[in-house]
């Protein structure tokens, strides 16, 4: 079985935030309403970045750092 990764383009936001709760502050810092959103089980980081007009690469780098700060 493959282990999920925070940079998986198909990973739903709800799964990302459940598996790596330390990423939640990244969404909050960007004033994103993804935390607790009813659409988060269906949206990915790609979708959220498009919705909030964020640089996907930079946002994903922040998420990866939060998920594994070591």
PDB file of N, CA and C in Angstrom:
ATOM      1  N   UNK A   1       0.843  -1.184   0.000  1.00  0.00           N
ATOM      2  CA  UNK A   1       0.000   0.000   0.000  1.00  0.00           C
ATOM      3  C   UNK A   1       0.881   1.238   0.000  1.00  0.00           C
ATOM      4  N   UNK A   2       0.555   2.170  -0.837  1.00  0.00           N
ATOM      5  CA  UNK A   2       1.354   3.382  -0.955  1.00  0.00           C
ATOM      6  C   UNK A   2       1.003   4.355   0.168  1.00  0.00           C
ATOM      7  N   UNK A   3       2.013   5.018   0.682  1.00  0.00           N
ATOM      8  CA  UNK A   3       1.811   6.003   1.740  1.00  0.00           C
ATOM      9  C   UNK A   3       1.473   7.348   1.116  1.00  0.00           C
ATOM     10  N   UNK A   4       0.432   8.008   1.630  1.00  0.00           N
ATOM     11  CA  UNK A   4       0.085   9.321   1.071  1.00  0.00           C
ATOM     12  C   UNK A   4       1.179  10.347   1.357  1.00  0.00           C
ATOM     13  N   UNK A   5       1.271  11.316   0.476  1.00  0.00           N
ATOM     14  CA  UNK A   5       2.237  12.406   0.619  1.00  0.00           C
ATOM     15  C   UNK A   5       1.479  13.719   0.499  1.00  0.00           C
ATOM     16  N   UNK A   6       1.916  14.748   1.217  1.00  0.00           N
ATOM     17  CA  UNK A   6       1.215  16.033   1.137  1.00  0.00           C
ATOM     18  C   UNK A   6       1.269  16.662  -0.252  1.00  0.00           C
ATOM     19  N   UNK A   7       2.230  16.268  -1.079  1.00  0.00           N
ATOM     20  CA  UNK A   7       2.339  16.856  -2.414  1.00  0.00           C
ATOM     21  C   UNK A   7       1.654  16.016  -3.497  1.00  0.00           C
ATOM     22  N   UNK A   8       0.871  15.022  -3.084  1.00  0.00           N
ATOM     23  CA  UNK A   8       0.110  14.218  -4.034  1.00  0.00           C
ATOM     24  C   UNK A   8      -0.964  15.120  -4.659  1.00  0.00           C
ATOM     25  N   UNK A   9      -0.933  15.325  -5.981  1.00  0.00           N
ATOM     26  CA  UNK A   9      -1.891  16.243  -6.611  1.00  0.00           C
ATOM     27  C   UNK A   9      -3.337  15.775  -6.525  1.00  0.00           C
ATOM     28  N   UNK A  10      -3.563  14.496  -6.224  1.00  0.00           N
ATOM     29  CA  UNK A  10      -4.918  13.956  -6.128  1.00  0.00           C
ATOM     30  C   UNK A  10      -5.435  13.862  -4.692  1.00  0.00           C
ATOM     31  N   UNK A  11      -4.619  14.252  -3.720  1.00  0.00           N
ATOM     32  CA  UNK A  11      -4.996  14.138  -2.311  1.00  0.00           C
ATOM     33  C   UNK A  11      -6.018  15.213  -1.951  1.00  0.00           C
ATOM     34  N   UNK A  12      -7.204  14.822  -1.487  1.00  0.00           N
ATOM     35  CA  UNK A  12      -8.197  15.815  -1.076  1.00  0.00           C
ATOM     36  C   UNK A  12      -7.694  16.622   0.133  1.00  0.00           C
ATOM     37  N   UNK A  13      -8.098  17.881   0.189  1.00  0.00           N
ATOM     38  CA  UNK A  13      -7.659  18.751   1.281  1.00  0.00           C
ATOM     39  C   UNK A  13      -8.066  18.193   2.648  1.00  0.00           C
ATOM     40  N   UNK A  14      -9.253  17.615   2.741  1.00  0.00           N
ATOM     41  CA  UNK A  14      -9.697  17.059   4.023  1.00  0.00           C
ATOM     42  C   UNK A  14      -8.737  15.970   4.499  1.00  0.00           C
ATOM     43  N   UNK A  15      -8.297  15.120   3.587  1.00  0.00           N
ATOM     44  CA  UNK A  15      -7.350  14.057   3.933  1.00  0.00           C
ATOM     45  C   UNK A  15      -5.997  14.644   4.318  1.00  0.00           C
ATOM     46  N   UNK A  16      -5.573  15.653   3.590  1.00  0.00           N
ATOM     47  CA  UNK A  16      -4.294  16.316   3.873  1.00  0.00           C
ATOM     48  C   UNK A  16      -4.294  16.890   5.288  1.00  0.00           C
ATOM     49  N   UNK A  17      -5.354  17.627   5.632  1.00  0.00           N
ATOM     50  CA  UNK A  17      -5.409  18.273   6.945  1.00  0.00           C
ATOM     51  C   UNK A  17      -5.643  17.272   8.078  1.00  0.00           C
ATOM     52  N   UNK A  18      -6.275  16.151   7.776  1.00  0.00           N
ATOM     53  CA  UNK A  18      -6.477  15.113   8.793  1.00  0.00           C
ATOM     54  C   UNK A  18      -5.170  14.388   9.083  1.00  0.00           C
ATOM     55  N   UNK A  19      -4.462  14.040   8.038  1.00  0.00           N
ATOM     56  CA  UNK A  19      -3.193  13.302   8.197  1.00  0.00           C
ATOM     57  C   UNK A  19      -2.073  14.198   8.730  1.00  0.00           C
ATOM     58  N   UNK A  20      -2.056  15.460   8.293  1.00  0.00           N
ATOM     59  CA  UNK A  20      -1.026  16.406   8.720  1.00  0.00           C
ATOM     60  C   UNK A  20      -1.700  17.653   9.292  1.00  0.00           C
ATOM     61  N   UNK A  21      -2.240  17.568  10.500  1.00  0.00           N
ATOM     62  CA  UNK A  21      -2.950  18.718  11.080  1.00  0.00           C
ATOM     63  C   UNK A  21      -2.060  19.949  11.239  1.00  0.00           C
ATOM     64  N   UNK A  22      -0.760  19.756  11.246  1.00  0.00           N
ATOM     65  CA  UNK A  22       0.150  20.893  11.368  1.00  0.00           C
ATOM     66  C   UNK A  22       0.143  21.763  10.110  1.00  0.00           C
ATOM     67  N   UNK A  23      -0.538  21.316   9.043  1.00  0.00           N
ATOM     68  CA  UNK A  23      -0.667  22.143   7.833  1.00  0.00           C
ATOM     69  C   UNK A  23      -1.817  23.137   7.942  1.00  0.00           C
ATOM     70  N   UNK A  24      -2.714  22.938   8.883  1.00  0.00           N
ATOM     71  CA  UNK A  24      -3.881  23.819   9.017  1.00  0.00           C
ATOM     72  C   UNK A  24      -3.475  25.290   9.161  1.00  0.00           C
ATOM     73  N   UNK A  25      -2.478  25.621   9.986  1.00  0.00           N
ATOM     74  CA  UNK A  25      -2.093  27.030  10.084  1.00  0.00           C
ATOM     75  C   UNK A  25      -1.642  27.658   8.760  1.00  0.00           C
ATOM     76  N   UNK A  26      -1.152  26.860   7.841  1.00  0.00           N
ATOM     77  CA  UNK A  26      -0.757  27.392   6.525  1.00  0.00           C
ATOM     78  C   UNK A  26      -1.996  27.909   5.803  1.00  0.00           C
ATOM     79  N   UNK A  27      -3.077  27.143   5.838  1.00  0.00           N
ATOM     80  CA  UNK A  27      -4.328  27.579   5.216  1.00  0.00           C
ATOM     81  C   UNK A  27      -4.864  28.830   5.911  1.00  0.00           C
ATOM     82  N   UNK A  28      -4.817  28.833   7.218  1.00  0.00           N
ATOM     83  CA  UNK A  28      -5.316  29.977   7.992  1.00  0.00           C
ATOM     84  C   UNK A  28      -4.487  31.226   7.704  1.00  0.00           C
ATOM     85  N   UNK A  29      -3.183  31.072   7.647  1.00  0.00           N
ATOM     86  CA  UNK A  29      -2.280  32.202   7.381  1.00  0.00           C
ATOM     87  C   UNK A  29      -2.596  32.867   6.033  1.00  0.00           C
ATOM     88  N   UNK A  30      -3.047  32.066   5.088  1.00  0.00           N
ATOM     89  CA  UNK A  30      -3.388  32.589   3.760  1.00  0.00           C
ATOM     90  C   UNK A  30      -4.863  33.005   3.674  1.00  0.00           C
ATOM     91  N   UNK A  31      -5.538  32.986   4.816  1.00  0.00           N
ATOM     92  CA  UNK A  31      -6.957  33.371   4.904  1.00  0.00           C
ATOM     93  C   UNK A  31      -7.839  32.533   3.984  1.00  0.00           C
ATOM     94  N   UNK A  32      -7.516  31.262   3.938  1.00  0.00           N
ATOM     95  CA  UNK A  32      -8.286  30.321   3.128  1.00  0.00           C
ATOM     96  C   UNK A  32      -9.360  29.690   4.012  1.00  0.00           C
ATOM     97  N   UNK A  33     -10.525  29.496   3.474  1.00  0.00           N
ATOM     98  CA  UNK A  33     -11.640  28.935   4.237  1.00  0.00           C
ATOM     99  C   UNK A  33     -11.747  27.421   4.080  1.00  0.00           C
ATOM    100  N   UNK A  34     -10.658  26.789   3.689  1.00  0.00           N
ATOM    101  CA  UNK A  34     -10.644  25.351   3.420  1.00  0.00           C
ATOM    102  C   UNK A  34     -10.827  24.508   4.684  1.00  0.00           C
ATOM    103  N   UNK A  35     -10.368  25.001   5.805  1.00  0.00           N
ATOM    104  CA  UNK A  35     -10.455  24.255   7.060  1.00  0.00           C
ATOM    105  C   UNK A  35     -11.934  24.167   7.451  1.00  0.00           C
ATOM    106  N   UNK A  36     -12.459  22.954   7.447  1.00  0.00           N
ATOM    107  CA  UNK A  36     -13.858  22.743   7.804  1.00  0.00           C
ATOM    108  C   UNK A  36     -14.834  22.961   6.659  1.00  0.00           C
ATOM    109  N   UNK A  37     -14.348  23.291   5.484  1.00  0.00           N
ATOM    110  CA  UNK A  37     -15.222  23.527   4.333  1.00  0.00           C
ATOM    111  C   UNK A  37     -15.851  22.205   3.880  1.00  0.00           C
ATOM    112  N   UNK A  38     -17.101  22.276   3.487  1.00  0.00           N
ATOM    113  CA  UNK A  38     -17.805  21.074   3.034  1.00  0.00           C
ATOM    114  C   UNK A  38     -17.266  20.538   1.711  1.00  0.00           C
ATOM    115  N   UNK A  39     -16.506  21.347   0.977  1.00  0.00           N
ATOM    116  CA  UNK A  39     -15.956  20.935  -0.312  1.00  0.00           C
ATOM    117  C   UNK A  39     -14.554  20.330  -0.156  1.00  0.00           C
ATOM    118  N   UNK A  40     -13.943  20.483   1.018  1.00  0.00           N
ATOM    119  CA  UNK A  40     -12.566  20.015   1.210  1.00  0.00           C
ATOM    120  C   UNK A  40     -12.360  18.515   0.953  1.00  0.00           C
ATOM    121  N   UNK A  41     -13.373  17.665   1.103  1.00  0.00           N
ATOM    122  CA  UNK A  41     -13.146  16.257   0.729  1.00  0.00           C
ATOM    123  C   UNK A  41     -13.002  16.053  -0.781  1.00  0.00           C
ATOM    124  N   UNK A  42     -13.344  17.074  -1.558  1.00  0.00           N
ATOM    125  CA  UNK A  42     -13.335  16.946  -3.015  1.00  0.00           C
ATOM    126  C   UNK A  42     -12.271  17.815  -3.690  1.00  0.00           C
ATOM    127  N   UNK A  43     -11.824  18.869  -3.003  1.00  0.00           N
ATOM    128  CA  UNK A  43     -10.830  19.776  -3.586  1.00  0.00           C
ATOM    129  C   UNK A  43      -9.418  19.352  -3.217  1.00  0.00           C
ATOM    130  N   UNK A  44      -8.501  19.674  -4.105  1.00  0.00           N
ATOM    131  CA  UNK A  44      -7.086  19.383  -3.891  1.00  0.00           C
ATOM    132  C   UNK A  44      -6.351  20.707  -3.696  1.00  0.00           C
ATOM    133  N   UNK A  45      -5.064  20.624  -3.434  1.00  0.00           N
ATOM    134  CA  UNK A  45      -4.239  21.830  -3.312  1.00  0.00           C
ATOM    135  C   UNK A  45      -4.299  22.620  -4.620  1.00  0.00           C
ATOM    136  N   UNK A  46      -4.301  21.929  -5.732  1.00  0.00           N
ATOM    137  CA  UNK A  46      -4.379  22.595  -7.039  1.00  0.00           C
ATOM    138  C   UNK A  46      -5.664  23.416  -7.132  1.00  0.00           C
ATOM    139  N   UNK A  47      -6.783  22.808  -6.732  1.00  0.00           N
ATOM    140  CA  UNK A  47      -8.070  23.504  -6.774  1.00  0.00           C
ATOM    141  C   UNK A  47      -8.065  24.726  -5.854  1.00  0.00           C
ATOM    142  N   UNK A  48      -7.554  24.555  -4.644  1.00  0.00           N
ATOM    143  CA  UNK A  48      -7.548  25.639  -3.661  1.00  0.00           C
ATOM    144  C   UNK A  48      -6.671  26.794  -4.128  1.00  0.00           C
ATOM    145  N   UNK A  49      -5.519  26.477  -4.674  1.00  0.00           N
ATOM    146  CA  UNK A  49      -4.623  27.528  -5.165  1.00  0.00           C
ATOM    147  C   UNK A  49      -5.268  28.293  -6.316  1.00  0.00           C
ATOM    148  N   UNK A  50      -5.962  27.594  -7.174  1.00  0.00           N
ATOM    149  CA  UNK A  50      -6.660  28.257  -8.275  1.00  0.00           C
ATOM    150  C   UNK A  50      -7.771  29.152  -7.734  1.00  0.00           C
ATOM    151  N   UNK A  51      -8.509  28.657  -6.769  1.00  0.00           N
ATOM    152  CA  UNK A  51      -9.618  29.412  -6.186  1.00  0.00           C
ATOM    153  C   UNK A  51      -9.143  30.679  -5.484  1.00  0.00           C
ATOM    154  N   UNK A  52      -8.011  30.583  -4.800  1.00  0.00           N
ATOM    155  CA  UNK A  52      -7.495  31.712  -4.018  1.00  0.00           C
ATOM    156  C   UNK A  52      -6.380  32.481  -4.739  1.00  0.00           C
ATOM    157  N   UNK A  53      -6.132  32.156  -5.985  1.00  0.00           N
ATOM    158  CA  UNK A  53      -5.121  32.849  -6.797  1.00  0.00           C
ATOM    159  C   UNK A  53      -3.747  32.850  -6.125  1.00  0.00           C
ATOM    160  N   UNK A  54      -3.353  31.673  -5.640  1.00  0.00           N
ATOM    161  CA  UNK A  54      -2.059  31.511  -4.986  1.00  0.00           C
ATOM    162  C   UNK A  54      -1.079  30.803  -5.912  1.00  0.00           C
ATOM    163  N   UNK A  55       0.186  31.091  -5.720  1.00  0.00           N
ATOM    164  CA  UNK A  55       1.225  30.386  -6.456  1.00  0.00           C
ATOM    165  C   UNK A  55       1.278  28.964  -5.902  1.00  0.00           C
ATOM    166  N   UNK A  56       0.927  28.009  -6.743  1.00  0.00           N
ATOM    167  CA  UNK A  56       0.821  26.621  -6.303  1.00  0.00           C
ATOM    168  C   UNK A  56       2.144  26.072  -5.771  1.00  0.00           C
ATOM    169  N   UNK A  57       3.217  26.357  -6.455  1.00  0.00           N
ATOM    170  CA  UNK A  57       4.530  25.847  -6.056  1.00  0.00           C
ATOM    171  C   UNK A  57       4.938  26.398  -4.687  1.00  0.00           C
ATOM    172  N   UNK A  58       4.745  27.690  -4.475  1.00  0.00           N
ATOM    173  CA  UNK A  58       5.120  28.312  -3.199  1.00  0.00           C
ATOM    174  C   UNK A  58       4.231  27.803  -2.065  1.00  0.00           C
ATOM    175  N   UNK A  59       2.934  27.681  -2.337  1.00  0.00           N
ATOM    176  CA  UNK A  59       2.014  27.205  -1.308  1.00  0.00           C
ATOM    177  C   UNK A  59       2.325  25.764  -0.935  1.00  0.00           C
ATOM    178  N   UNK A  60       2.574  24.944  -1.934  1.00  0.00           N
ATOM    179  CA  UNK A  60       2.905  23.544  -1.682  1.00  0.00           C
ATOM    180  C   UNK A  60       4.197  23.425  -0.883  1.00  0.00           C
ATOM    181  N   UNK A  61       5.165  24.284  -1.156  1.00  0.00           N
ATOM    182  CA  UNK A  61       6.421  24.284  -0.393  1.00  0.00           C
ATOM    183  C   UNK A  61       6.142  24.585   1.081  1.00  0.00           C
ATOM    184  N   UNK A  62       5.237  25.510   1.348  1.00  0.00           N
ATOM    185  CA  UNK A  62       4.867  25.816   2.736  1.00  0.00           C
ATOM    186  C   UNK A  62       4.198  24.612   3.394  1.00  0.00           C
ATOM    187  N   UNK A  63       3.313  23.959   2.658  1.00  0.00           N
ATOM    188  CA  UNK A  63       2.643  22.771   3.201  1.00  0.00           C
ATOM    189  C   UNK A  63       3.628  21.653   3.496  1.00  0.00           C
ATOM    190  N   UNK A  64       4.572  21.439   2.593  1.00  0.00           N
ATOM    191  CA  UNK A  64       5.565  20.385   2.780  1.00  0.00           C
ATOM    192  C   UNK A  64       6.437  20.683   4.000  1.00  0.00           C
ATOM    193  N   UNK A  65       6.811  21.943   4.179  1.00  0.00           N
ATOM    194  CA  UNK A  65       7.629  22.309   5.337  1.00  0.00           C
ATOM    195  C   UNK A  65       6.840  22.102   6.625  1.00  0.00           C
ATOM    196  N   UNK A  66       5.570  22.462   6.610  1.00  0.00           N
ATOM    197  CA  UNK A  66       4.731  22.273   7.800  1.00  0.00           C
ATOM    198  C   UNK A  66       4.524  20.791   8.099  1.00  0.00           C
ATOM    199  N   UNK A  67       4.356  19.985   7.062  1.00  0.00           N
ATOM    200  CA  UNK A  67       4.106  18.557   7.241  1.00  0.00           C
ATOM    201  C   UNK A  67       5.323  17.817   7.760  1.00  0.00           C
ATOM    202  N   UNK A  68       6.491  18.277   7.364  1.00  0.00           N
ATOM    203  CA  UNK A  68       7.736  17.619   7.785  1.00  0.00           C
ATOM    204  C   UNK A  68       8.801  18.668   8.060  1.00  0.00           C
ATOM    205  N   UNK A  69       8.700  19.354   9.202  1.00  0.00           N
ATOM    206  CA  UNK A  69       9.639  20.439   9.491  1.00  0.00           C
ATOM    207  C   UNK A  69      11.071  19.981   9.743  1.00  0.00           C
ATOM    208  N   UNK A  70      11.284  18.657   9.857  1.00  0.00           N
ATOM    209  CA  UNK A  70      12.606  18.122  10.154  1.00  0.00           C
ATOM    210  C   UNK A  70      13.482  18.169   8.997  1.00  0.00           C
TER     211      UNK A  70
END
